[in-house]
Amino acid sequence: PGQGFLDRMIALVEGAERQKTPNEIALTILLVGLTI
C-alpha cells in the first residue's frame, strides 16, 4: 500500500514529491551567490 502506480501519479501531479533537478539546483546556487 502507498507504493503503487496511482500513488506515485498522485504525488507527482500534486508536486508533493517533486525534487529539484541538478540543473535547477545549480541555477539556484548561482542565484543565491549573486544575491549574497
PDB file of all heavy atoms in Angstrom:
ATOM      1  N   PRO A   1       0.821  -1.218   0.000  1.00  0.00           N
ATOM      2  CA  PRO A   1       0.000   0.000   0.000  1.00  0.00           C
ATOM      3  C   PRO A   1       0.855   1.269   0.000  1.00  0.00           C
ATOM      4  O   PRO A   1       1.880   1.341   0.681  1.00  0.00           O
ATOM      5  CB  PRO A   1      -0.799  -0.120   1.306  1.00  0.00           C
ATOM      6  CG  PRO A   1      -0.861  -1.583   1.579  1.00  0.00           C
ATOM      7  CD  PRO A   1       0.439  -2.143   1.095  1.00  0.00           C
ATOM      8  N   GLY A   2       0.404   2.252  -0.770  1.00  0.00           N
ATOM      9  CA  GLY A   2       1.109   3.534  -0.823  1.00  0.00           C
ATOM     10  C   GLY A   2       2.263   3.579  -1.787  1.00  0.00           C
ATOM     11  O   GLY A   2       2.894   4.625  -1.959  1.00  0.00           O
ATOM     12  N   GLN A   3       2.576   2.439  -2.434  1.00  0.00           N
ATOM     13  CA  GLN A   3       3.721   2.396  -3.338  1.00  0.00           C
ATOM     14  C   GLN A   3       3.322   2.107  -4.788  1.00  0.00           C
ATOM     15  O   GLN A   3       4.182   1.897  -5.633  1.00  0.00           O
ATOM     16  CB  GLN A   3       4.714   1.324  -2.870  1.00  0.00           C
ATOM     17  CG  GLN A   3       5.259   1.569  -1.480  1.00  0.00           C
ATOM     18  CD  GLN A   3       6.171   0.456  -1.010  1.00  0.00           C
ATOM     19  OE1 GLN A   3       6.515  -0.449  -1.772  1.00  0.00           O
ATOM     20  NE2 GLN A   3       6.567   0.508   0.253  1.00  0.00           N
ATOM     21  N   GLY A   4       2.046   2.103  -5.071  1.00  0.00           N
ATOM     22  CA  GLY A   4       1.583   1.738  -6.397  1.00  0.00           C
ATOM     23  C   GLY A   4       1.671   2.862  -7.404  1.00  0.00           C
ATOM     24  O   GLY A   4       2.054   4.002  -7.094  1.00  0.00           O
ATOM     25  N   PHE A   5       1.263   2.517  -8.591  1.00  0.00           N
ATOM     26  CA  PHE A   5       1.311   3.452  -9.720  1.00  0.00           C
ATOM     27  C   PHE A   5       0.424   4.676  -9.461  1.00  0.00           C
ATOM     28  O   PHE A   5       0.824   5.818  -9.691  1.00  0.00           O
ATOM     29  CB  PHE A   5       0.847   2.699 -10.973  1.00  0.00           C
ATOM     30  CG  PHE A   5       1.115   3.406 -12.257  1.00  0.00           C
ATOM     31  CD1 PHE A   5       2.368   3.355 -12.832  1.00  0.00           C
ATOM     32  CD2 PHE A   5       0.121   4.116 -12.894  1.00  0.00           C
ATOM     33  CE1 PHE A   5       2.618   4.004 -14.027  1.00  0.00           C
ATOM     34  CE2 PHE A   5       0.364   4.767 -14.090  1.00  0.00           C
ATOM     35  CZ  PHE A   5       1.623   4.706 -14.651  1.00  0.00           C
ATOM     36  N   LEU A   6      -0.798   4.448  -8.956  1.00  0.00           N
ATOM     37  CA  LEU A   6      -1.692   5.558  -8.652  1.00  0.00           C
ATOM     38  C   LEU A   6      -1.107   6.472  -7.588  1.00  0.00           C
ATOM     39  O   LEU A   6      -1.217   7.695  -7.677  1.00  0.00           O
ATOM     40  CB  LEU A   6      -3.050   5.024  -8.184  1.00  0.00           C
ATOM     41  CG  LEU A   6      -4.093   4.705  -9.252  1.00  0.00           C
ATOM     42  CD1 LEU A   6      -5.353   4.176  -8.598  1.00  0.00           C
ATOM     43  CD2 LEU A   6      -4.415   5.916 -10.085  1.00  0.00           C
ATOM     44  N   ASP A   7      -0.483   5.883  -6.574  1.00  0.00           N
ATOM     45  CA  ASP A   7       0.108   6.695  -5.503  1.00  0.00           C
ATOM     46  C   ASP A   7       1.214   7.593  -6.042  1.00  0.00           C
ATOM     47  O   ASP A   7       1.300   8.774  -5.689  1.00  0.00           O
ATOM     48  CB  ASP A   7       0.669   5.775  -4.405  1.00  0.00           C
ATOM     49  CG  ASP A   7      -0.405   4.909  -3.784  1.00  0.00           C
ATOM     50  OD1 ASP A   7      -1.236   5.445  -3.040  1.00  0.00           O
ATOM     51  OD2 ASP A   7      -0.405   3.703  -4.055  1.00  0.00           O
ATOM     52  N   ARG A   8       2.063   7.025  -6.907  1.00  0.00           N
ATOM     53  CA  ARG A   8       3.157   7.823  -7.468  1.00  0.00           C
ATOM     54  C   ARG A   8       2.604   8.918  -8.377  1.00  0.00           C
ATOM     55  O   ARG A   8       3.126  10.032  -8.411  1.00  0.00           O
ATOM     56  CB  ARG A   8       4.117   6.928  -8.257  1.00  0.00           C
ATOM     57  CG  ARG A   8       4.882   5.941  -7.384  1.00  0.00           C
ATOM     58  CD  ARG A   8       6.167   5.474  -8.077  1.00  0.00           C
ATOM     59  NE  ARG A   8       5.926   4.920  -9.380  1.00  0.00           N
ATOM     60  CZ  ARG A   8       5.686   3.631  -9.613  1.00  0.00           C
ATOM     61  NH1 ARG A   8       5.630   2.780  -8.610  1.00  0.00           N
ATOM     62  NH2 ARG A   8       5.494   3.193 -10.848  1.00  0.00           N
ATOM     63  N   MET A   9       1.548   8.588  -9.116  1.00  0.00           N
ATOM     64  CA  MET A   9       0.970   9.573 -10.024  1.00  0.00           C
ATOM     65  C   MET A   9       0.330  10.722  -9.240  1.00  0.00           C
ATOM     66  O   MET A   9       0.464  11.896  -9.610  1.00  0.00           O
ATOM     67  CB  MET A   9      -0.055   8.902 -10.922  1.00  0.00           C
ATOM     68  CG  MET A   9      -0.431   9.724 -12.146  1.00  0.00           C
ATOM     69  SD  MET A   9      -1.321   8.723 -13.341  1.00  0.00           S
ATOM     70  CE  MET A   9      -1.498   9.924 -14.663  1.00  0.00           C
ATOM     71  N   ILE A  10      -0.384  10.403  -8.160  1.00  0.00           N
ATOM     72  CA  ILE A  10      -1.000  11.438  -7.329  1.00  0.00           C
ATOM     73  C   ILE A  10       0.078  12.354  -6.751  1.00  0.00           C
ATOM     74  O   ILE A  10      -0.046  13.586  -6.775  1.00  0.00           O
ATOM     75  CB  ILE A  10      -1.836  10.798  -6.202  1.00  0.00           C
ATOM     76  CG1 ILE A  10      -3.076  10.120  -6.788  1.00  0.00           C
ATOM     77  CG2 ILE A  10      -2.239  11.839  -5.168  1.00  0.00           C
ATOM     78  CD1 ILE A  10      -3.812   9.246  -5.795  1.00  0.00           C
ATOM     79  N   ALA A  11       1.157  11.759  -6.228  1.00  0.00           N
ATOM     80  CA  ALA A  11       2.243  12.563  -5.662  1.00  0.00           C
ATOM     81  C   ALA A  11       2.877  13.451  -6.723  1.00  0.00           C
ATOM     82  O   ALA A  11       3.236  14.602  -6.458  1.00  0.00           O
ATOM     83  CB  ALA A  11       3.298  11.640  -5.038  1.00  0.00           C
ATOM     84  N   LEU A  12       2.984  12.906  -7.926  1.00  0.00           N
ATOM     85  CA  LEU A  12       3.617  13.675  -8.996  1.00  0.00           C
ATOM     86  C   LEU A  12       2.770  14.868  -9.407  1.00  0.00           C
ATOM     87  O   LEU A  12       3.256  15.997  -9.460  1.00  0.00           O
ATOM     88  CB  LEU A  12       3.862  12.778 -10.211  1.00  0.00           C
ATOM     89  CG  LEU A  12       4.406  13.506 -11.440  1.00  0.00           C
ATOM     90  CD1 LEU A  12       5.832  13.953 -11.203  1.00  0.00           C
ATOM     91  CD2 LEU A  12       4.329  12.635 -12.667  1.00  0.00           C
ATOM     92  N   VAL A  13       1.492  14.643  -9.676  1.00  0.00           N
ATOM     93  CA  VAL A  13       0.669  15.736 -10.176  1.00  0.00           C
ATOM     94  C   VAL A  13       0.421  16.798  -9.117  1.00  0.00           C
ATOM     95  O   VAL A  13       0.164  17.956  -9.420  1.00  0.00           O
ATOM     96  CB  VAL A  13      -0.680  15.228 -10.742  1.00  0.00           C
ATOM     97  CG1 VAL A  13      -0.467  14.336 -11.925  1.00  0.00           C
ATOM     98  CG2 VAL A  13      -1.506  14.524  -9.671  1.00  0.00           C
ATOM     99  N   GLU A  14       0.508  16.428  -7.840  1.00  0.00           N
ATOM    100  CA  GLU A  14       0.363  17.415  -6.775  1.00  0.00           C
ATOM    101  C   GLU A  14       1.674  18.126  -6.472  1.00  0.00           C
ATOM    102  O   GLU A  14       1.696  19.107  -5.747  1.00  0.00           O
ATOM    103  CB  GLU A  14      -0.156  16.739  -5.505  1.00  0.00           C
ATOM    104  CG  GLU A  14      -1.617  16.313  -5.593  1.00  0.00           C
ATOM    105  CD  GLU A  14      -2.160  15.868  -4.267  1.00  0.00           C
ATOM    106  OE1 GLU A  14      -1.403  15.238  -3.503  1.00  0.00           O
ATOM    107  OE2 GLU A  14      -3.334  16.153  -3.975  1.00  0.00           O
ATOM    108  N   GLY A  15       2.768  17.614  -7.005  1.00  0.00           N
ATOM    109  CA  GLY A  15       4.055  18.249  -6.759  1.00  0.00           C
ATOM    110  C   GLY A  15       4.610  17.940  -5.378  1.00  0.00           C
ATOM    111  O   GLY A  15       5.598  18.540  -4.951  1.00  0.00           O
ATOM    112  N   ALA A  16       3.961  17.009  -4.650  1.00  0.00           N
ATOM    113  CA  ALA A  16       4.366  16.764  -3.269  1.00  0.00           C
ATOM    114  C   ALA A  16       5.760  16.170  -3.170  1.00  0.00           C
ATOM    115  O   ALA A  16       6.460  16.385  -2.189  1.00  0.00           O
ATOM    116  CB  ALA A  16       3.362  15.817  -2.601  1.00  0.00           C
ATOM    117  N   GLU A  17       6.175  15.424  -4.164  1.00  0.00           N
ATOM    118  CA  GLU A  17       7.479  14.771  -4.086  1.00  0.00           C
ATOM    119  C   GLU A  17       8.423  15.279  -5.166  1.00  0.00           C
ATOM    120  O   GLU A  17       9.396  14.618  -5.507  1.00  0.00           O
ATOM    121  CB  GLU A  17       7.312  13.250  -4.213  1.00  0.00           C
ATOM    122  CG  GLU A  17       6.567  12.625  -3.051  1.00  0.00           C
ATOM    123  CD  GLU A  17       6.515  11.113  -3.155  1.00  0.00           C
ATOM    124  OE1 GLU A  17       7.023  10.579  -4.157  1.00  0.00           O
ATOM    125  OE2 GLU A  17       5.983  10.479  -2.243  1.00  0.00           O
ATOM    126  N   ARG A  18       8.111  16.464  -5.710  1.00  0.00           N
ATOM    127  CA  ARG A  18       8.971  16.991  -6.773  1.00  0.00           C
ATOM    128  C   ARG A  18      10.296  17.457  -6.188  1.00  0.00           C
ATOM    129  O   ARG A  18      10.372  18.407  -5.417  1.00  0.00           O
ATOM    130  CB  ARG A  18       8.293  18.162  -7.496  1.00  0.00           C
ATOM    131  CG  ARG A  18       8.962  18.484  -8.822  1.00  0.00           C
ATOM    132  CD  ARG A  18       8.427  19.771  -9.398  1.00  0.00           C
ATOM    133  NE  ARG A  18       8.986  20.934  -8.749  1.00  0.00           N
ATOM    134  CZ  ARG A  18      10.152  21.487  -9.092  1.00  0.00           C
ATOM    135  NH1 ARG A  18      10.863  20.972 -10.059  1.00  0.00           N
ATOM    136  NH2 ARG A  18      10.612  22.541  -8.460  1.00  0.00           N
ATOM    137  N   GLN A  19      11.351  16.762  -6.535  1.00  0.00           N
ATOM    138  CA  GLN A  19      12.686  17.133  -6.085  1.00  0.00           C
ATOM    139  C   GLN A  19      13.340  18.030  -7.124  1.00  0.00           C
ATOM    140  O   GLN A  19      13.140  17.876  -8.323  1.00  0.00           O
ATOM    141  CB  GLN A  19      13.538  15.866  -5.882  1.00  0.00           C
ATOM    142  CG  GLN A  19      12.951  14.884  -4.877  1.00  0.00           C
ATOM    143  CD  GLN A  19      12.894  15.457  -3.484  1.00  0.00           C
ATOM    144  OE1 GLN A  19      13.819  16.135  -3.039  1.00  0.00           O
ATOM    145  NE2 GLN A  19      11.798  15.207  -2.777  1.00  0.00           N
ATOM    146  N   LYS A  20      14.138  18.982  -6.662  1.00  0.00           N
ATOM    147  CA  LYS A  20      14.850  19.846  -7.591  1.00  0.00           C
ATOM    148  C   LYS A  20      15.847  19.024  -8.401  1.00  0.00           C
ATOM    149  O   LYS A  20      16.537  18.157  -7.862  1.00  0.00           O
ATOM    150  CB  LYS A  20      15.584  20.959  -6.841  1.00  0.00           C
ATOM    151  CG  LYS A  20      14.652  22.017  -6.260  1.00  0.00           C
ATOM    152  CD  LYS A  20      15.427  23.182  -5.669  1.00  0.00           C
ATOM    153  CE  LYS A  20      14.486  24.276  -5.193  1.00  0.00           C
ATOM    154  NZ  LYS A  20      15.225  25.435  -4.635  1.00  0.00           N
ATOM    155  N   THR A  21      15.911  19.312  -9.681  1.00  0.00           N
ATOM    156  CA  THR A  21      16.829  18.592 -10.560  1.00  0.00           C
ATOM    157  C   THR A  21      18.230  19.191 -10.435  1.00  0.00           C
ATOM    158  O   THR A  21      18.395  20.310  -9.934  1.00  0.00           O
ATOM    159  CB  THR A  21      16.361  18.704 -12.011  1.00  0.00           C
ATOM    160  OG1 THR A  21      16.410  20.080 -12.405  1.00  0.00           O
ATOM    161  CG2 THR A  21      14.933  18.214 -12.157  1.00  0.00           C
ATOM    162  N   PRO A  22      19.271  18.471 -10.880  1.00  0.00           N
ATOM    163  CA  PRO A  22      20.637  19.018 -10.811  1.00  0.00           C
ATOM    164  C   PRO A  22      20.769  20.369 -11.494  1.00  0.00           C
ATOM    165  O   PRO A  22      21.443  21.274 -10.985  1.00  0.00           O
ATOM    166  CB  PRO A  22      21.467  17.941 -11.530  1.00  0.00           C
ATOM    167  CG  PRO A  22      20.704  16.680 -11.318  1.00  0.00           C
ATOM    168  CD  PRO A  22      19.257  17.078 -11.346  1.00  0.00           C
ATOM    169  N   ASN A  23      20.104  20.519 -12.649  1.00  0.00           N
ATOM    170  CA  ASN A  23      20.165  21.798 -13.357  1.00  0.00           C
ATOM    171  C   ASN A  23      19.535  22.911 -12.532  1.00  0.00           C
ATOM    172  O   ASN A  23      20.065  24.019 -12.430  1.00  0.00           O
ATOM    173  CB  ASN A  23      19.445  21.647 -14.706  1.00  0.00           C
ATOM    174  CG  ASN A  23      19.514  22.888 -15.562  1.00  0.00           C
ATOM    175  OD1 ASN A  23      18.923  23.901 -15.230  1.00  0.00           O
ATOM    176  ND2 ASN A  23      20.213  22.811 -16.675  1.00  0.00           N
ATOM    177  N   GLU A  24      18.396  22.606 -11.922  1.00  0.00           N
ATOM    178  CA  GLU A  24      17.687  23.595 -11.104  1.00  0.00           C
ATOM    179  C   GLU A  24      18.481  23.931  -9.848  1.00  0.00           C
ATOM    180  O   GLU A  24      18.536  25.089  -9.420  1.00  0.00           O
ATOM    181  CB  GLU A  24      16.313  23.042 -10.742  1.00  0.00           C
ATOM    182  CG  GLU A  24      15.360  24.062 -10.158  1.00  0.00           C
ATOM    183  CD  GLU A  24      13.973  23.491  -9.947  1.00  0.00           C
ATOM    184  OE1 GLU A  24      13.685  22.416 -10.499  1.00  0.00           O
ATOM    185  OE2 GLU A  24      13.185  24.132  -9.225  1.00  0.00           O
ATOM    186  N   ILE A  25      19.107  22.926  -9.248  1.00  0.00           N
ATOM    187  CA  ILE A  25      19.926  23.160  -8.054  1.00  0.00           C
ATOM    188  C   ILE A  25      21.105  24.063  -8.390  1.00  0.00           C
ATOM    189  O   ILE A  25      21.428  25.010  -7.654  1.00  0.00           O
ATOM    190  CB  ILE A  25      20.413  21.815  -7.470  1.00  0.00           C
ATOM    191  CG1 ILE A  25      19.237  21.035  -6.886  1.00  0.00           C
ATOM    192  CG2 ILE A  25      21.483  22.051  -6.398  1.00  0.00           C
ATOM    193  CD1 ILE A  25      19.579  19.619  -6.486  1.00  0.00           C
ATOM    194  N   ALA A  26      21.759  23.781  -9.535  1.00  0.00           N
ATOM    195  CA  ALA A  26      22.905  24.602  -9.947  1.00  0.00           C
ATOM    196  C   ALA A  26      22.488  26.051 -10.171  1.00  0.00           C
ATOM    197  O   ALA A  26      23.181  26.991  -9.751  1.00  0.00           O
ATOM    198  CB  ALA A  26      23.527  24.028 -11.216  1.00  0.00           C
ATOM    199  N   LEU A  27      21.337  26.243 -10.811  1.00  0.00           N
ATOM    200  CA  LEU A  27      20.861  27.605 -11.066  1.00  0.00           C
ATOM    201  C   LEU A  27      20.477  28.295  -9.763  1.00  0.00           C
ATOM    202  O   LEU A  27      20.739  29.488  -9.577  1.00  0.00           O
ATOM    203  CB  LEU A  27      19.664  27.561 -12.023  1.00  0.00           C
ATOM    204  CG  LEU A  27      19.139  28.907 -12.536  1.00  0.00           C
ATOM    205  CD1 LEU A  27      20.263  29.736 -13.148  1.00  0.00           C
ATOM    206  CD2 LEU A  27      18.027  28.699 -13.552  1.00  0.00           C
ATOM    207  N   THR A  28      19.884  27.543  -8.825  1.00  0.00           N
ATOM    208  CA  THR A  28      19.538  28.113  -7.522  1.00  0.00           C
ATOM    209  C   THR A  28      20.786  28.570  -6.779  1.00  0.00           C
ATOM    210  O   THR A  28      20.813  29.653  -6.171  1.00  0.00           O
ATOM    211  CB  THR A  28      18.767  27.089  -6.673  1.00  0.00           C
ATOM    212  OG1 THR A  28      17.572  26.711  -7.364  1.00  0.00           O
ATOM    213  CG2 THR A  28      18.400  27.662  -5.321  1.00  0.00           C
ATOM    214  N   ILE A  29      21.835  27.753  -6.826  1.00  0.00           N
ATOM    215  CA  ILE A  29      23.105  28.128  -6.174  1.00  0.00           C
ATOM    216  C   ILE A  29      23.658  29.403  -6.789  1.00  0.00           C
ATOM    217  O   ILE A  29      24.152  30.302  -6.088  1.00  0.00           O
ATOM    218  CB  ILE A  29      24.117  26.971  -6.281  1.00  0.00           C
ATOM    219  CG1 ILE A  29      23.650  25.776  -5.436  1.00  0.00           C
ATOM    220  CG2 ILE A  29      25.507  27.424  -5.852  1.00  0.00           C
ATOM    221  CD1 ILE A  29      24.477  24.530  -5.630  1.00  0.00           C
ATOM    222  N   LEU A  30      23.571  29.506  -8.123  1.00  0.00           N
ATOM    223  CA  LEU A  30      24.047  30.719  -8.798  1.00  0.00           C
ATOM    224  C   LEU A  30      23.242  31.939  -8.347  1.00  0.00           C
ATOM    225  O   LEU A  30      23.816  33.001  -8.053  1.00  0.00           O
ATOM    226  CB  LEU A  30      23.931  30.544 -10.313  1.00  0.00           C
ATOM    227  CG  LEU A  30      24.264  31.780 -11.172  1.00  0.00           C
ATOM    228  CD1 LEU A  30      25.719  32.199 -10.970  1.00  0.00           C
ATOM    229  CD2 LEU A  30      23.979  31.513 -12.639  1.00  0.00           C
ATOM    230  N   LEU A  31      21.922  31.801  -8.276  1.00  0.00           N
ATOM    231  CA  LEU A  31      21.074  32.913  -7.861  1.00  0.00           C
ATOM    232  C   LEU A  31      21.370  33.320  -6.417  1.00  0.00           C
ATOM    233  O   LEU A  31      21.401  34.512  -6.092  1.00  0.00           O
ATOM    234  CB  LEU A  31      19.597  32.540  -8.012  1.00  0.00           C
ATOM    235  CG  LEU A  31      19.107  32.202  -9.424  1.00  0.00           C
ATOM    236  CD1 LEU A  31      17.623  31.896  -9.415  1.00  0.00           C
ATOM    237  CD2 LEU A  31      19.405  33.332 -10.391  1.00  0.00           C
ATOM    238  N   VAL A  32      21.576  32.332  -5.554  1.00  0.00           N
ATOM    239  CA  VAL A  32      21.916  32.634  -4.153  1.00  0.00           C
ATOM    240  C   VAL A  32      23.260  33.348  -4.080  1.00  0.00           C
ATOM    241  O   VAL A  32      23.440  34.326  -3.338  1.00  0.00           O
ATOM    242  CB  VAL A  32      21.939  31.338  -3.316  1.00  0.00           C
ATOM    243  CG1 VAL A  32      22.511  31.610  -1.930  1.00  0.00           C
ATOM    244  CG2 VAL A  32      20.541  30.759  -3.204  1.00  0.00           C
ATOM    245  N   GLY A  33      24.230  32.876  -4.887  1.00  0.00           N
ATOM    246  CA  GLY A  33      25.544  33.527  -4.910  1.00  0.00           C
ATOM    247  C   GLY A  33      25.458  34.981  -5.346  1.00  0.00           C
ATOM    248  O   GLY A  33      26.076  35.870  -4.736  1.00  0.00           O
ATOM    249  N   LEU A  34      24.680  35.224  -6.389  1.00  0.00           N
ATOM    250  CA  LEU A  34      24.505  36.605  -6.851  1.00  0.00           C
ATOM    251  C   LEU A  34      23.827  37.460  -5.786  1.00  0.00           C
ATOM    252  O   LEU A  34      24.186  38.628  -5.582  1.00  0.00           O
ATOM    253  CB  LEU A  34      23.671  36.621  -8.138  1.00  0.00           C
ATOM    254  CG  LEU A  34      24.348  36.084  -9.400  1.00  0.00           C
ATOM    255  CD1 LEU A  34      23.352  36.014 -10.552  1.00  0.00           C
ATOM    256  CD2 LEU A  34      25.533  36.967  -9.788  1.00  0.00           C
ATOM    257  N   THR A  35      22.865  36.881  -5.089  1.00  0.00           N
ATOM    258  CA  THR A  35      22.163  37.619  -4.036  1.00  0.00           C
ATOM    259  C   THR A  35      23.117  38.015  -2.916  1.00  0.00           C
ATOM    260  O   THR A  35      23.091  39.151  -2.417  1.00  0.00           O
ATOM    261  CB  THR A  35      21.009  36.765  -3.476  1.00  0.00           C
ATOM    262  OG1 THR A  35      20.115  36.439  -4.538  1.00  0.00           O
ATOM    263  CG2 THR A  35      20.248  37.504  -2.391  1.00  0.00           C
ATOM    264  N   ILE A  36      23.972  37.088  -2.522  1.00  0.00           N
ATOM    265  CA  ILE A  36      24.942  37.376  -1.459  1.00  0.00           C
ATOM    266  C   ILE A  36      25.908  38.471  -1.900  1.00  0.00           C
ATOM    267  O   ILE A  36      26.224  39.409  -1.142  1.00  0.00           O
ATOM    268  CB  ILE A  36      25.702  36.090  -1.068  1.00  0.00           C
ATOM    269  CG1 ILE A  36      24.746  35.091  -0.409  1.00  0.00           C
ATOM    270  CG2 ILE A  36      26.867  36.412  -0.145  1.00  0.00           C
ATOM    271  CD1 ILE A  36      25.347  33.726  -0.169  1.00  0.00           C
TER     272      ILE A  36
END
